Amino acid sequence: METKGYKGMMGVTIFASLLCIVSIVWILCQSYFISTSSGEGCIVWHDDLYPLQAGIFIGRLVFKTLFYALIMAFLFKQLKAIKDGMLFPRENVKIMYTIAVCYLIGNLCDDNISTALICEDNGAFVINSDTLLYAALLVIFALIYKVAVKVSEENNLTI
């Protein structure tokens, strides 16, 4: 079922996927230069702060990379579902919840990467309001999508 809408969605998916790939490469490059002596202002690993530094650094790397990879997975599954004649595939609901969790943890680590870089445990853990707000909006969007899946399935049963 290749329609004009499908072709438009394909274009948007490809463009968004390219942006996600660029973001993943950017995060990997940043992580390389932060963790090695090649970059300026890199991490100086300290024994007493190592768990905190490693947790923030690895959390940022893993969850932000996973966030962008899941966005691509969501878009491609949505595109495949549209091609197959479905509008809201059920499997995307779990992906959307996972995207929200990855966004929250990844941005909390990103907000606190300075703690890992300056090598001081000053007791301050930064939680920005936009991180919480956007994570909550992603969860709300996932809940709305879940309702849309149920409505779509009921609509298919009545026809």
C-alpha atoms as a PDB file:
ATOM      1  CA  MET A   1       0.000   0.000   0.000  1.00  0.00           C
ATOM      2  CA  GLU A   2       2.403   2.669  -1.204  1.00  0.00           C
ATOM      3  CA  THR A   3       0.590   5.974  -1.212  1.00  0.00           C
ATOM      4  CA  LYS A   4       1.686   9.577  -1.180  1.00  0.00           C
ATOM      5  CA  GLY A   5       1.517   9.532   2.621  1.00  0.00           C
ATOM      6  CA  TYR A   6       3.752   6.473   2.752  1.00  0.00           C
ATOM      7  CA  LYS A   7       6.353   8.125   0.533  1.00  0.00           C
ATOM      8  CA  GLY A   8       6.253  11.249   2.691  1.00  0.00           C
ATOM      9  CA  MET A   9       6.670   9.151   5.826  1.00  0.00           C
ATOM     10  CA  MET A  10       9.591   7.349   4.195  1.00  0.00           C
ATOM     11  CA  GLY A  11      11.292  10.685   3.515  1.00  0.00           C
ATOM     12  CA  VAL A  12      10.749  11.861   7.083  1.00  0.00           C
ATOM     13  CA  THR A  13      12.012   8.528   8.446  1.00  0.00           C
ATOM     14  CA  ILE A  14      15.176   8.639   6.361  1.00  0.00           C
ATOM     15  CA  PHE A  15      15.862  12.270   7.308  1.00  0.00           C
ATOM     16  CA  ALA A  16      15.249  11.630  11.021  1.00  0.00           C
ATOM     17  CA  SER A  17      17.390   8.484  10.891  1.00  0.00           C
ATOM     18  CA  LEU A  18      20.266  10.434   9.373  1.00  0.00           C
ATOM     19  CA  LEU A  19      19.966  12.997  12.173  1.00  0.00           C
ATOM     20  CA  CYS A  20      19.952  10.177  14.742  1.00  0.00           C
ATOM     21  CA  ILE A  21      23.055   8.604  13.187  1.00  0.00           C
ATOM     22  CA  VAL A  22      24.846  11.965  13.255  1.00  0.00           C
ATOM     23  CA  SER A  23      23.857  12.360  16.926  1.00  0.00           C
ATOM     24  CA  ILE A  24      25.138   8.880  17.782  1.00  0.00           C
ATOM     25  CA  VAL A  25      28.460   9.569  16.049  1.00  0.00           C
ATOM     26  CA  TRP A  26      28.689  12.902  17.881  1.00  0.00           C
ATOM     27  CA  ILE A  27      28.106  11.231  21.263  1.00  0.00           C
ATOM     28  CA  LEU A  28      30.690   8.547  20.492  1.00  0.00           C
ATOM     29  CA  CYS A  29      33.264  11.169  19.457  1.00  0.00           C
ATOM     30  CA  GLN A  30      32.574  13.239  22.574  1.00  0.00           C
ATOM     31  CA  SER A  31      32.892  10.151  24.743  1.00  0.00           C
ATOM     32  CA  TYR A  32      36.196   9.224  23.129  1.00  0.00           C
ATOM     33  CA  PHE A  33      37.688  12.661  23.691  1.00  0.00           C
ATOM     34  CA  ILE A  34      36.338  12.868  27.232  1.00  0.00           C
ATOM     35  CA  SER A  35      37.709   9.459  28.229  1.00  0.00           C
ATOM     36  CA  THR A  36      41.158   9.711  26.632  1.00  0.00           C
ATOM     37  CA  SER A  37      43.977  12.171  26.935  1.00  0.00           C
ATOM     38  CA  SER A  38      43.482  13.228  23.298  1.00  0.00           C
ATOM     39  CA  GLY A  39      40.840  15.759  24.240  1.00  0.00           C
ATOM     40  CA  GLU A  40      41.115  18.962  26.199  1.00  0.00           C
ATOM     41  CA  GLY A  41      39.357  18.944  29.551  1.00  0.00           C
ATOM     42  CA  CYS A  42      39.154  15.160  29.721  1.00  0.00           C
ATOM     43  CA  ILE A  43      38.292  13.057  32.740  1.00  0.00           C
ATOM     44  CA  VAL A  44      40.994  12.529  35.316  1.00  0.00           C
ATOM     45  CA  TRP A  45      39.990   9.272  36.941  1.00  0.00           C
ATOM     46  CA  HIS A  46      40.215   9.282  40.760  1.00  0.00           C
ATOM     47  CA  ASP A  47      39.987   6.178  42.901  1.00  0.00           C
ATOM     48  CA  ASP A  48      37.561   7.623  45.420  1.00  0.00           C
ATOM     49  CA  LEU A  49      35.241   9.104  42.760  1.00  0.00           C
ATOM     50  CA  TYR A  50      35.663   6.377  40.157  1.00  0.00           C
ATOM     51  CA  PRO A  51      32.204   4.770  40.620  1.00  0.00           C
ATOM     52  CA  LEU A  52      30.490   8.157  40.295  1.00  0.00           C
ATOM     53  CA  GLN A  53      32.601   9.215  37.310  1.00  0.00           C
ATOM     54  CA  ALA A  54      32.232   5.872  35.523  1.00  0.00           C
ATOM     55  CA  GLY A  55      28.499   5.680  36.228  1.00  0.00           C
ATOM     56  CA  ILE A  56      27.823   9.135  34.829  1.00  0.00           C
ATOM     57  CA  PHE A  57      30.127   8.657  31.855  1.00  0.00           C
ATOM     58  CA  ILE A  58      28.872   5.180  30.891  1.00  0.00           C
ATOM     59  CA  GLY A  59      25.242   6.084  31.601  1.00  0.00           C
ATOM     60  CA  ARG A  60      25.483   9.082  29.296  1.00  0.00           C
ATOM     61  CA  LEU A  61      27.133   7.063  26.543  1.00  0.00           C
ATOM     62  CA  VAL A  62      24.798   4.061  26.716  1.00  0.00           C
ATOM     63  CA  PHE A  63      21.448   5.744  27.301  1.00  0.00           C
ATOM     64  CA  LYS A  64      21.855   8.619  24.864  1.00  0.00           C
ATOM     65  CA  THR A  65      23.043   6.222  22.151  1.00  0.00           C
ATOM     66  CA  LEU A  66      20.169   3.852  22.921  1.00  0.00           C
ATOM     67  CA  PHE A  67      17.730   6.785  22.840  1.00  0.00           C
ATOM     68  CA  TYR A  68      18.624   7.658  19.251  1.00  0.00           C
ATOM     69  CA  ALA A  69      18.725   4.014  18.165  1.00  0.00           C
ATOM     70  CA  LEU A  70      15.226   3.464  19.594  1.00  0.00           C
ATOM     71  CA  ILE A  71      13.902   6.520  17.783  1.00  0.00           C
ATOM     72  CA  MET A  72      15.134   4.988  14.528  1.00  0.00           C
ATOM     73  CA  ALA A  73      13.582   1.627  15.443  1.00  0.00           C
ATOM     74  CA  PHE A  74      10.267   3.331  16.230  1.00  0.00           C
ATOM     75  CA  LEU A  75      10.219   5.176  12.908  1.00  0.00           C
ATOM     76  CA  PHE A  76      11.111   2.129  10.816  1.00  0.00           C
ATOM     77  CA  LYS A  77       8.534  -0.067  12.582  1.00  0.00           C
ATOM     78  CA  GLN A  78       5.948   2.660  12.047  1.00  0.00           C
ATOM     79  CA  LEU A  79       6.884   2.849   8.373  1.00  0.00           C
ATOM     80  CA  LYS A  80       6.613  -0.934   8.008  1.00  0.00           C
ATOM     81  CA  ALA A  81       3.227  -0.905   9.738  1.00  0.00           C
ATOM     82  CA  ILE A  82       1.911   1.795   7.413  1.00  0.00           C
ATOM     83  CA  LYS A  83       3.089  -0.253   4.446  1.00  0.00           C
ATOM     84  CA  ASP A  84       1.248  -3.282   5.840  1.00  0.00           C
ATOM     85  CA  GLY A  85      -1.944  -1.270   6.302  1.00  0.00           C
ATOM     86  CA  MET A  86      -1.745  -0.712  10.067  1.00  0.00           C
ATOM     87  CA  LEU A  87      -1.531   2.742  11.543  1.00  0.00           C
ATOM     88  CA  PHE A  88      -0.549   1.996  15.146  1.00  0.00           C
ATOM     89  CA  PRO A  89       1.494  -1.168  15.750  1.00  0.00           C
ATOM     90  CA  ARG A  90       1.357  -2.487  19.320  1.00  0.00           C
ATOM     91  CA  GLU A  91       5.107  -3.147  19.484  1.00  0.00           C
ATOM     92  CA  ASN A  92       5.841   0.585  19.264  1.00  0.00           C
ATOM     93  CA  VAL A  93       4.244   1.211  22.673  1.00  0.00           C
ATOM     94  CA  LYS A  94       7.067  -0.593  24.510  1.00  0.00           C
ATOM     95  CA  ILE A  95       9.614   1.209  22.370  1.00  0.00           C
ATOM     96  CA  MET A  96       8.076   4.553  23.319  1.00  0.00           C
ATOM     97  CA  TYR A  97       8.212   3.789  27.049  1.00  0.00           C
ATOM     98  CA  THR A  98      11.837   2.698  26.652  1.00  0.00           C
ATOM     99  CA  ILE A  99      12.596   5.909  24.753  1.00  0.00           C
ATOM    100  CA  ALA A 100      11.211   7.927  27.684  1.00  0.00           C
ATOM    101  CA  VAL A 101      13.338   6.035  30.223  1.00  0.00           C
ATOM    102  CA  CYS A 102      16.473   6.330  28.067  1.00  0.00           C
ATOM    103  CA  TYR A 103      15.836  10.040  27.606  1.00  0.00           C
ATOM    104  CA  LEU A 104      15.467  10.588  31.343  1.00  0.00           C
ATOM    105  CA  ILE A 105      18.554   8.621  32.403  1.00  0.00           C
ATOM    106  CA  GLY A 106      20.689   9.836  29.490  1.00  0.00           C
ATOM    107  CA  ASN A 107      19.908  13.484  30.141  1.00  0.00           C
ATOM    108  CA  LEU A 108      20.376  13.137  33.903  1.00  0.00           C
ATOM    109  CA  CYS A 109      23.850  11.771  33.187  1.00  0.00           C
ATOM    110  CA  ASP A 110      24.444  14.480  30.587  1.00  0.00           C
ATOM    111  CA  ASP A 111      23.387  17.187  33.042  1.00  0.00           C
ATOM    112  CA  ASN A 112      25.865  15.818  35.587  1.00  0.00           C
ATOM    113  CA  ILE A 113      28.813  15.056  33.302  1.00  0.00           C
ATOM    114  CA  SER A 114      30.535  18.154  34.700  1.00  0.00           C
ATOM    115  CA  THR A 115      30.702  16.393  38.090  1.00  0.00           C
ATOM    116  CA  ALA A 116      32.639  13.596  36.438  1.00  0.00           C
ATOM    117  CA  LEU A 117      34.901  16.031  34.588  1.00  0.00           C
ATOM    118  CA  ILE A 118      35.826  18.363  37.442  1.00  0.00           C
ATOM    119  CA  CYS A 119      36.657  15.417  39.696  1.00  0.00           C
ATOM    120  CA  GLU A 120      34.906  16.815  42.725  1.00  0.00           C
ATOM    121  CA  ASP A 121      32.001  15.369  44.590  1.00  0.00           C
ATOM    122  CA  ASN A 122      30.446  18.592  45.779  1.00  0.00           C
ATOM    123  CA  GLY A 123      27.236  16.816  46.711  1.00  0.00           C
ATOM    124  CA  ALA A 124      25.254  18.581  44.006  1.00  0.00           C
ATOM    125  CA  PHE A 125      23.260  16.428  41.651  1.00  0.00           C
ATOM    126  CA  VAL A 126      21.714  18.488  38.876  1.00  0.00           C
ATOM    127  CA  ILE A 127      18.154  17.730  37.822  1.00  0.00           C
ATOM    128  CA  ASN A 128      16.911  20.162  35.207  1.00  0.00           C
ATOM    129  CA  SER A 129      13.192  20.752  34.966  1.00  0.00           C
ATOM    130  CA  ASP A 130      13.198  20.335  31.197  1.00  0.00           C
ATOM    131  CA  THR A 131      14.618  16.820  31.541  1.00  0.00           C
ATOM    132  CA  LEU A 132      11.729  15.803  33.779  1.00  0.00           C
ATOM    133  CA  LEU A 133       9.165  17.666  31.685  1.00  0.00           C
ATOM    134  CA  TYR A 134      10.240  16.134  28.374  1.00  0.00           C
ATOM    135  CA  ALA A 135      10.425  12.648  29.882  1.00  0.00           C
ATOM    136  CA  ALA A 136       6.896  13.120  31.251  1.00  0.00           C
ATOM    137  CA  LEU A 137       5.712  14.325  27.835  1.00  0.00           C
ATOM    138  CA  LEU A 138       7.218  11.236  26.215  1.00  0.00           C
ATOM    139  CA  VAL A 139       5.347   9.015  28.689  1.00  0.00           C
ATOM    140  CA  ILE A 140       2.103  10.910  28.014  1.00  0.00           C
ATOM    141  CA  PHE A 141       2.675  10.508  24.283  1.00  0.00           C
ATOM    142  CA  ALA A 142       3.233   6.764  24.826  1.00  0.00           C
ATOM    143  CA  LEU A 143      -0.028   6.528  26.788  1.00  0.00           C
ATOM    144  CA  ILE A 144      -1.921   8.327  24.014  1.00  0.00           C
ATOM    145  CA  TYR A 145      -0.309   6.015  21.460  1.00  0.00           C
ATOM    146  CA  LYS A 146      -1.389   2.994  23.552  1.00  0.00           C
ATOM    147  CA  VAL A 147      -4.992   4.235  23.493  1.00  0.00           C
ATOM    148  CA  ALA A 148      -4.715   4.743  19.728  1.00  0.00           C
ATOM    149  CA  VAL A 149      -3.511   1.139  19.359  1.00  0.00           C
ATOM    150  CA  LYS A 150      -6.545  -0.141  21.279  1.00  0.00           C
ATOM    151  CA  VAL A 151      -8.946   2.014  19.259  1.00  0.00           C
ATOM    152  CA  SER A 152      -7.322   0.865  16.018  1.00  0.00           C
ATOM    153  CA  GLU A 153      -7.600  -2.799  17.036  1.00  0.00           C
ATOM    154  CA  GLU A 154     -11.263  -2.377  18.025  1.00  0.00           C
ATOM    155  CA  ASN A 155     -11.935  -0.627  14.737  1.00  0.00           C
ATOM    156  CA  ASN A 156     -10.408  -3.549  12.834  1.00  0.00           C
ATOM    157  CA  LEU A 157     -12.613  -6.007  14.745  1.00  0.00           C
ATOM    158  CA  THR A 158     -15.833  -4.142  13.962  1.00  0.00           C
ATOM    159  CA  ILE A 159     -15.251  -4.046  10.230  1.00  0.00           C
END
